[in-house]
Each structure stands twice: as C-alpha cells, then as structure tokens.
Amino acid sequence: MNNKEILRKKMDRLVAEVGAAKGLVDTAEADYLEKYKNGMETVIRLIDSDSIPASEGGVIGATSGLSESSKLASLINLYDAAADVDLYYSQNCKTWAV
C-alpha cells in the first residue's frame, strides 16, 4: 500500500468515528460534527483525485477541529483517529512517490 492509500484508510476510520460520536453528543455538537465530517470528506476527495498536496511536515487539521470542544476532545476513539490522520500525514506524506 502506498502512503495515499494508507492515509485514505485512516481518513475512512476517522469519518466512521465521527458517525459513531454523533450519537454521543448533544444536537449542537452533532451539527458541528456533520460539518467536520464534510470537511474530512473533502480531504478524501482530494486523496481520491490525486490532488492532495504533500504535507511538507504540516497537518490536515483533523485534531485541531476537535480540540476546540472539551466534549469532542474527550471522545477517545474519535480523537485518536484524528490524531492518527494528522500524525501520519505530517510524518509520512512529506512528498509523494512518483
């Protein structure tokens, strides 16, 4: 598997965790998670179309999108999936193999 395929799998896991988390939070946080999920699905489309830029050591922002809410940040599976995406992208996607 190449780095884009691995990143795509990690993004799929994150989106699944968002779906699970929506049942654990209030309406306002569920609405926020829906918008967050839409943003993560945009990243997935970039991966699928081979137009996602190399990280150059940066992150996607999956973790920062959750850390603004203590409730969302406390959902361990969701936060771990987001951290996994950001860490993998930052460390393993600095350049794309040709």
Protein backbone atom coordinates (compact mmCIF):
# COMPACT_ATOMS: atom_id res chain seq x y z
CA MET A 1 0.00 0.00 0.00
CA ASN A 2 1.32 3.47 -0.80
CA ASN A 3 1.08 6.48 1.52
CA LYS A 4 -2.06 7.87 -0.14
CA GLU A 5 -3.85 4.53 0.25
CA ILE A 6 -2.84 4.33 3.91
CA LEU A 7 -3.92 7.91 4.50
CA ARG A 8 -7.25 7.16 2.79
CA LYS A 9 -7.87 4.21 5.14
CA LYS A 10 -7.08 6.40 8.14
CA MET A 11 -9.49 9.05 6.83
CA ASP A 12 -12.20 6.40 6.42
CA ARG A 13 -11.69 5.36 10.04
CA LEU A 14 -11.96 8.98 11.14
CA VAL A 15 -15.22 9.50 9.24
CA ALA A 16 -16.61 6.30 10.80
CA GLU A 17 -15.66 7.54 14.27
CA VAL A 18 -17.42 10.84 13.55
CA GLY A 19 -20.58 8.89 12.76
CA ALA A 20 -20.32 6.95 16.00
CA ALA A 21 -19.62 10.11 18.02
CA LYS A 22 -22.71 11.91 16.73
CA GLY A 23 -24.83 9.59 18.86
CA LEU A 24 -22.92 10.54 22.00
CA VAL A 25 -23.22 14.32 21.91
CA ASP A 26 -25.90 16.99 22.01
CA THR A 27 -27.53 18.48 18.92
CA ALA A 28 -25.15 21.44 18.57
CA GLU A 29 -22.09 19.19 18.75
CA ALA A 30 -23.70 16.71 16.34
CA ASP A 31 -24.28 19.56 13.88
CA TYR A 32 -20.64 20.60 14.27
CA LEU A 33 -19.53 17.01 13.68
CA GLU A 34 -21.57 16.88 10.47
CA LYS A 35 -19.71 19.96 9.19
CA TYR A 36 -16.42 18.46 10.37
CA LYS A 37 -17.24 15.21 8.54
CA ASN A 38 -17.97 17.17 5.37
CA GLY A 39 -14.52 18.77 5.64
CA MET A 40 -12.87 15.39 6.11
CA GLU A 41 -14.80 14.01 3.11
CA THR A 42 -13.37 16.89 1.07
CA VAL A 43 -9.90 15.69 2.03
CA ILE A 44 -10.88 12.17 0.96
CA ARG A 45 -11.95 13.51 -2.43
CA LEU A 46 -8.56 15.23 -2.76
CA ILE A 47 -6.82 11.94 -1.99
CA ASP A 48 -9.01 10.06 -4.47
CA SER A 49 -8.35 12.59 -7.23
CA ASP A 50 -4.59 12.64 -6.54
CA SER A 51 -4.75 16.37 -5.88
CA ILE A 52 -3.93 16.42 -2.17
CA PRO A 53 -0.70 18.34 -1.66
CA ALA A 54 2.28 16.80 0.11
CA SER A 55 2.33 17.69 3.79
CA GLU A 56 5.77 19.30 3.90
CA GLY A 57 5.55 18.43 7.62
CA GLY A 58 2.17 20.11 8.14
CA VAL A 59 -1.08 18.54 9.26
CA ILE A 60 -4.58 18.23 7.80
CA GLY A 61 -6.12 19.83 10.87
CA ALA A 62 -8.19 16.85 11.92
CA THR A 63 -7.15 17.16 15.56
CA SER A 64 -7.49 20.93 15.84
CA GLY A 65 -11.06 20.67 14.55
CA LEU A 66 -11.93 18.63 17.64
CA SER A 67 -9.79 20.26 20.32
CA GLU A 68 -11.97 23.37 20.48
CA SER A 69 -14.62 21.36 22.35
CA SER A 70 -13.69 19.57 25.55
CA LYS A 71 -16.57 17.12 24.98
CA LEU A 72 -15.36 16.18 21.49
CA ALA A 73 -11.73 16.03 22.56
CA SER A 74 -12.73 13.64 25.36
CA LEU A 75 -14.16 11.08 22.91
CA ILE A 76 -11.05 8.89 22.85
CA ASN A 77 -11.74 6.86 19.69
CA LEU A 78 -12.64 9.97 17.70
CA TYR A 79 -9.68 11.99 18.93
CA ASP A 80 -7.27 9.08 18.41
CA ALA A 81 -8.47 8.63 14.81
CA ALA A 82 -7.99 12.35 14.16
CA ALA A 83 -4.52 12.33 15.73
CA ASP A 84 -3.61 9.27 13.67
CA VAL A 85 -4.57 11.11 10.45
CA ASP A 86 -2.61 14.25 11.33
CA LEU A 87 0.46 12.36 12.54
CA TYR A 88 0.58 10.05 9.53
CA TYR A 89 0.09 12.87 7.05
CA SER A 90 2.72 15.03 8.74
CA GLN A 91 5.36 12.32 9.04
CA ASN A 92 4.76 10.07 6.03
CA CYS A 93 3.31 12.31 3.33
CA LYS A 94 6.01 14.99 3.05
CA THR A 95 6.44 14.03 -0.58
CA TRP A 96 4.54 11.69 -2.89
CA ALA A 97 6.48 8.98 -4.68
CA VAL A 98 6.20 9.29 -8.42
